[in-house]
């Protein structure tokens, strides 16, 4: 069985008797020598902070729409990689065999030491961006820094699919390296968010604003998890919160898939997703998407000015893209995103 390879980590503060506070996420783990953090992949070893996430357990190319990003170079592809580990313990996680490493119901270590130069070379050869996804990319700032160093003037874009549970220090460090981030906003209130994830909600919403302020393109995903965000009242609260930040920020409503500790629950009904779309538009959000359950219209990007269909998508790929120079070709309405 593989075992983690530990490397020096960033974002740690040493204080007193060999203890280190990890400043990566709002858990703020205060670690004595030999202790591992709540994420199970950062530790204090001999008074130095170390990480196991300079590694990859998966590396394959897929469509950028699968992250999901709908306003980031539609039709392009992403070389996606992931290291085991997560700051959350979500009961429904479809990637729990990777994300829950180190916890009683997680799998063993499956990562191999990452080669950032090789990842960048592959991305250049295949004409892709590089994405960190499936587990929590915020736990891998060291790998993100290394990838950004090797991209050089070629400028291979780096994107994250993240839970957004990061400190201001972590965002300040990584945001300049990132082209786009899709952040999960899983709940409308603190109590259900804590029950689901083991963590507070407010830092996630703060992260949305911080990444945007740093110039990173941000899209939001909300899985309609039973008892957490599957009721119209809950979705309308989330929609209003997002619209207050920026009504042009794309919002992806994700159908709940029974898995992990929630395998006995039912998948989200299409009617609930349709209601969520209405809630989003009623709150003022201009771009609300549903990947599969509502058919092609749920995936279309339409001009908020003249209603022209600008992007048509299949389930996981773009079929036609009509945005020109970041605007609608019919009425010249600017369409926010990374189109080129």
Foldseek 3Di string as FASTA:
>chain_A
DDDFDKDADPQWDFDDQLWIFRQWFPVRDTAHAPDDDLFRAWHRHRSTIIGRWLWWLDWDKFFCCVLPDQFAAFFAIEGETEAATAQWDFQQQPLQCRHVEPDPPHHHGRIDRDDLLVNLVVCVVVVHAYEYDSYACSSPLVNLVVNLVNCPPVCRAYEYEHQQRTDLVSCVSRLVSHQAYEHEQAALAQPLVCVRTVDGRVSSLVSQLSSVVSVHQYAYEYELDPPGRQDLVTLLSVLLSVVVSPLLHEYEYEWRAGDHNRVVDDIRDVVSVVSSVVSNVVSRRQHYAYQPDVPFVRSFDADPPPRHTAWTDDNRHTDHGRQDPQAHPPPRHGRDHNND
